[in-house]
Amino acid sequence: MPALSTFFGIQIRMYWEDTDRHKSPHFHARYGEYEAVFALNGKIIEGKFPHKQTAYIRKWVLLYENELVLNWSYAMTGKQTFKIKPLR
């Protein structure tokens, strides 16, 4: 699945075939060797992530919550997700 957004070295992805593992709406974030699963409210569900980069993700989530929710609904119905603006 292509990245939804990339900013400050953080890559955000959403996998629609991942619902057996995580039932609630979520996205995956990767930064260097770190990887974590985040709920759409910005809380970490699984994994570890540096504090500074987690703060960036939470700020990004606040700005683009509607786009994340829409992408989740697209992914769950097999539609193509769309890019979300990066945090600047």
N, C-alpha and C. Protein backbone atom coordinates (compact mmCIF):
# COMPACT_ATOMS: atom_id res chain seq x y z
N MET A 1 0.85 -1.18 0.00
CA MET A 1 0.00 0.00 0.00
C MET A 1 0.89 1.24 0.00
N PRO A 2 0.60 2.18 -0.87
CA PRO A 2 1.39 3.42 -0.90
C PRO A 2 1.21 4.25 0.37
N ALA A 3 2.18 5.07 0.63
CA ALA A 3 2.13 5.93 1.82
C ALA A 3 1.02 6.96 1.68
N LEU A 4 0.31 7.20 2.79
CA LEU A 4 -0.70 8.27 2.82
C LEU A 4 -0.03 9.62 2.96
N SER A 5 1.07 9.66 3.71
CA SER A 5 1.78 10.91 3.94
C SER A 5 3.18 10.60 4.44
N THR A 6 4.09 11.53 4.17
CA THR A 6 5.46 11.43 4.66
C THR A 6 5.90 12.81 5.12
N PHE A 7 6.40 12.90 6.34
CA PHE A 7 6.87 14.18 6.87
C PHE A 7 7.90 13.94 7.96
N PHE A 8 8.93 14.78 7.98
CA PHE A 8 10.00 14.71 8.99
C PHE A 8 10.56 13.30 9.14
N GLY A 9 10.65 12.56 8.02
CA GLY A 9 11.18 11.20 8.05
C GLY A 9 10.19 10.14 8.51
N ILE A 10 8.96 10.54 8.78
CA ILE A 10 7.91 9.62 9.23
C ILE A 10 7.06 9.24 8.02
N GLN A 11 6.85 7.96 7.85
CA GLN A 11 6.00 7.48 6.76
C GLN A 11 4.72 6.90 7.35
N ILE A 12 3.57 7.35 6.83
CA ILE A 12 2.26 6.90 7.29
C ILE A 12 1.63 6.03 6.22
N ARG A 13 1.16 4.85 6.62
CA ARG A 13 0.49 3.92 5.69
C ARG A 13 -0.79 3.39 6.33
N MET A 14 -1.68 2.92 5.47
CA MET A 14 -2.92 2.30 5.93
C MET A 14 -3.12 1.03 5.11
N TYR A 15 -3.28 -0.11 5.79
CA TYR A 15 -3.43 -1.40 5.13
C TYR A 15 -4.85 -1.91 5.35
N TRP A 16 -5.60 -2.09 4.29
CA TRP A 16 -6.98 -2.54 4.47
C TRP A 16 -7.08 -4.02 4.80
N GLU A 17 -6.09 -4.82 4.45
CA GLU A 17 -6.16 -6.25 4.76
C GLU A 17 -5.68 -6.56 6.18
N ASP A 18 -5.49 -5.54 6.98
CA ASP A 18 -4.92 -5.68 8.32
C ASP A 18 -5.98 -5.73 9.43
N THR A 19 -7.26 -5.81 9.09
CA THR A 19 -8.30 -5.70 10.11
C THR A 19 -8.40 -6.91 11.02
N ASP A 20 -7.89 -8.06 10.62
CA ASP A 20 -7.91 -9.22 11.52
C ASP A 20 -6.98 -8.99 12.71
N ARG A 21 -5.91 -8.26 12.47
CA ARG A 21 -4.92 -8.00 13.53
C ARG A 21 -5.35 -6.85 14.43
N HIS A 22 -5.88 -5.81 13.83
CA HIS A 22 -6.32 -4.62 14.57
C HIS A 22 -7.73 -4.30 14.11
N LYS A 23 -8.70 -4.48 14.96
CA LYS A 23 -10.10 -4.28 14.56
C LYS A 23 -10.49 -2.81 14.47
N SER A 24 -9.91 -1.97 15.30
CA SER A 24 -10.30 -0.56 15.30
C SER A 24 -9.59 0.21 14.18
N PRO A 25 -10.17 1.32 13.74
CA PRO A 25 -9.52 2.14 12.70
C PRO A 25 -8.13 2.58 13.14
N HIS A 26 -7.16 2.45 12.25
CA HIS A 26 -5.77 2.73 12.61
C HIS A 26 -4.93 2.98 11.38
N PHE A 27 -3.70 3.41 11.62
CA PHE A 27 -2.71 3.53 10.55
C PHE A 27 -1.36 3.10 11.12
N HIS A 28 -0.43 2.83 10.24
CA HIS A 28 0.91 2.41 10.61
C HIS A 28 1.87 3.56 10.34
N ALA A 29 2.81 3.75 11.24
CA ALA A 29 3.83 4.78 11.07
C ALA A 29 5.20 4.14 11.20
N ARG A 30 6.13 4.60 10.38
CA ARG A 30 7.50 4.11 10.44
C ARG A 30 8.44 5.30 10.46
N TYR A 31 9.43 5.20 11.32
CA TYR A 31 10.47 6.22 11.43
C TYR A 31 11.77 5.50 11.74
N GLY A 32 12.68 5.44 10.78
CA GLY A 32 13.92 4.69 10.98
C GLY A 32 13.62 3.25 11.33
N GLU A 33 14.17 2.78 12.45
CA GLU A 33 13.92 1.39 12.87
C GLU A 33 12.65 1.24 13.70
N TYR A 34 11.95 2.34 13.96
CA TYR A 34 10.72 2.31 14.77
C TYR A 34 9.51 2.11 13.89
N GLU A 35 8.57 1.34 14.41
CA GLU A 35 7.29 1.15 13.73
C GLU A 35 6.20 1.00 14.79
N ALA A 36 5.08 1.64 14.56
CA ALA A 36 3.98 1.56 15.52
C ALA A 36 2.66 1.66 14.77
N VAL A 37 1.64 1.16 15.43
CA VAL A 37 0.27 1.26 14.93
C VAL A 37 -0.43 2.30 15.80
N PHE A 38 -1.06 3.27 15.15
CA PHE A 38 -1.74 4.36 15.83
C PHE A 38 -3.24 4.30 15.55
N ALA A 39 -4.04 4.56 16.58
CA ALA A 39 -5.48 4.76 16.39
C ALA A 39 -5.65 6.09 15.66
N LEU A 40 -6.80 6.30 15.09
CA LEU A 40 -7.04 7.54 14.36
C LEU A 40 -7.08 8.77 15.26
N ASN A 41 -7.03 8.57 16.57
CA ASN A 41 -6.94 9.71 17.50
C ASN A 41 -5.49 10.02 17.88
N GLY A 42 -4.53 9.26 17.33
CA GLY A 42 -3.12 9.52 17.57
C GLY A 42 -2.50 8.72 18.70
N LYS A 43 -3.27 7.86 19.36
CA LYS A 43 -2.70 7.04 20.44
C LYS A 43 -2.07 5.78 19.85
N ILE A 44 -0.96 5.36 20.46
CA ILE A 44 -0.28 4.15 20.00
C ILE A 44 -1.06 2.92 20.46
N ILE A 45 -1.37 2.06 19.51
CA ILE A 45 -2.06 0.79 19.80
C ILE A 45 -1.03 -0.32 20.02
N GLU A 46 0.02 -0.28 19.22
CA GLU A 46 1.03 -1.34 19.26
C GLU A 46 2.35 -0.78 18.76
N GLY A 47 3.44 -1.24 19.35
CA GLY A 47 4.76 -0.84 18.90
C GLY A 47 5.34 0.28 19.74
N LYS A 48 6.51 0.75 19.32
CA LYS A 48 7.20 1.83 20.03
C LYS A 48 7.57 2.90 19.01
N PHE A 49 7.56 4.14 19.48
CA PHE A 49 7.86 5.27 18.62
C PHE A 49 8.49 6.36 19.47
N PRO A 50 9.47 7.10 18.94
CA PRO A 50 10.08 8.17 19.72
C PRO A 50 9.05 9.26 20.09
N HIS A 51 9.24 9.86 21.25
CA HIS A 51 8.30 10.87 21.74
C HIS A 51 8.13 12.05 20.79
N LYS A 52 9.22 12.59 20.29
CA LYS A 52 9.15 13.75 19.41
C LYS A 52 8.34 13.43 18.15
N GLN A 53 8.59 12.28 17.53
CA GLN A 53 7.88 11.89 16.32
C GLN A 53 6.42 11.55 16.63
N THR A 54 6.16 11.00 17.80
CA THR A 54 4.77 10.74 18.22
C THR A 54 4.02 12.06 18.34
N ALA A 55 4.66 13.07 18.86
CA ALA A 55 4.04 14.40 18.98
C ALA A 55 3.72 14.96 17.59
N TYR A 56 4.63 14.76 16.64
CA TYR A 56 4.37 15.21 15.26
C TYR A 56 3.14 14.49 14.69
N ILE A 57 3.07 13.20 14.92
CA ILE A 57 1.94 12.43 14.40
C ILE A 57 0.63 12.90 15.03
N ARG A 58 0.63 13.14 16.33
CA ARG A 58 -0.59 13.60 16.99
C ARG A 58 -1.04 14.96 16.47
N LYS A 59 -0.10 15.84 16.20
CA LYS A 59 -0.45 17.14 15.62
C LYS A 59 -1.04 16.96 14.22
N TRP A 60 -0.42 16.10 13.43
CA TRP A 60 -0.89 15.80 12.08
C TRP A 60 -2.30 15.21 12.11
N VAL A 61 -2.54 14.29 13.06
CA VAL A 61 -3.87 13.67 13.20
C VAL A 61 -4.92 14.74 13.50
N LEU A 62 -4.61 15.67 14.38
CA LEU A 62 -5.55 16.75 14.69
C LEU A 62 -5.90 17.57 13.46
N LEU A 63 -4.92 17.81 12.61
CA LEU A 63 -5.15 18.61 11.41
C LEU A 63 -5.94 17.86 10.34
N TYR A 64 -5.73 16.55 10.25
CA TYR A 64 -6.28 15.78 9.13
C TYR A 64 -7.16 14.61 9.57
N GLU A 65 -7.82 14.76 10.68
CA GLU A 65 -8.68 13.67 11.20
C GLU A 65 -9.75 13.26 10.19
N ASN A 66 -10.40 14.21 9.56
CA ASN A 66 -11.46 13.88 8.60
C ASN A 66 -10.92 13.08 7.42
N GLU A 67 -9.74 13.46 6.93
CA GLU A 67 -9.13 12.73 5.83
C GLU A 67 -8.74 11.31 6.23
N LEU A 68 -8.27 11.15 7.46
CA LEU A 68 -7.94 9.81 7.95
C LEU A 68 -9.17 8.92 8.04
N VAL A 69 -10.25 9.46 8.57
CA VAL A 69 -11.50 8.70 8.69
C VAL A 69 -12.01 8.31 7.30
N LEU A 70 -11.96 9.24 6.37
CA LEU A 70 -12.41 8.94 5.01
C LEU A 70 -11.52 7.89 4.36
N ASN A 71 -10.21 8.01 4.54
CA ASN A 71 -9.30 6.99 4.01
C ASN A 71 -9.59 5.62 4.61
N TRP A 72 -9.89 5.59 5.91
CA TRP A 72 -10.21 4.30 6.56
C TRP A 72 -11.46 3.69 5.92
N SER A 73 -12.48 4.50 5.70
CA SER A 73 -13.71 3.97 5.09
C SER A 73 -13.44 3.51 3.66
N TYR A 74 -12.60 4.23 2.93
CA TYR A 74 -12.23 3.78 1.58
C TYR A 74 -11.51 2.44 1.65
N ALA A 75 -10.53 2.34 2.53
CA ALA A 75 -9.75 1.11 2.64
C ALA A 75 -10.63 -0.07 3.01
N MET A 76 -11.59 0.12 3.90
CA MET A 76 -12.45 -0.97 4.35
C MET A 76 -13.43 -1.43 3.28
N THR A 77 -13.69 -0.58 2.30
CA THR A 77 -14.60 -0.96 1.21
C THR A 77 -13.84 -1.28 -0.07
N GLY A 78 -12.51 -1.36 0.01
CA GLY A 78 -11.70 -1.73 -1.15
C GLY A 78 -11.44 -0.60 -2.12
N LYS A 79 -11.80 0.62 -1.76
CA LYS A 79 -11.52 1.77 -2.63
C LYS A 79 -10.08 2.22 -2.41
N GLN A 80 -9.55 2.91 -3.40
CA GLN A 80 -8.19 3.42 -3.29
C GLN A 80 -8.14 4.59 -2.32
N THR A 81 -7.18 4.54 -1.42
CA THR A 81 -6.97 5.64 -0.48
C THR A 81 -6.30 6.81 -1.20
N PHE A 82 -6.28 7.96 -0.56
CA PHE A 82 -5.68 9.14 -1.18
C PHE A 82 -4.62 9.73 -0.26
N LYS A 83 -3.73 10.51 -0.84
CA LYS A 83 -2.65 11.16 -0.09
C LYS A 83 -3.22 12.23 0.82
N ILE A 84 -2.57 12.43 1.96
CA ILE A 84 -2.92 13.48 2.92
C ILE A 84 -1.71 14.40 3.04
N LYS A 85 -1.96 15.69 3.11
CA LYS A 85 -0.87 16.65 3.19
C LYS A 85 0.04 16.33 4.37
N PRO A 86 1.32 16.57 4.19
CA PRO A 86 2.27 16.34 5.29
C PRO A 86 2.22 17.48 6.31
N LEU A 87 2.72 17.20 7.48
CA LEU A 87 2.89 18.23 8.49
C LEU A 87 4.06 19.10 8.07
N ARG A 88 3.89 20.39 8.21
CA ARG A 88 4.96 21.33 7.81
C ARG A 88 5.39 22.15 8.99
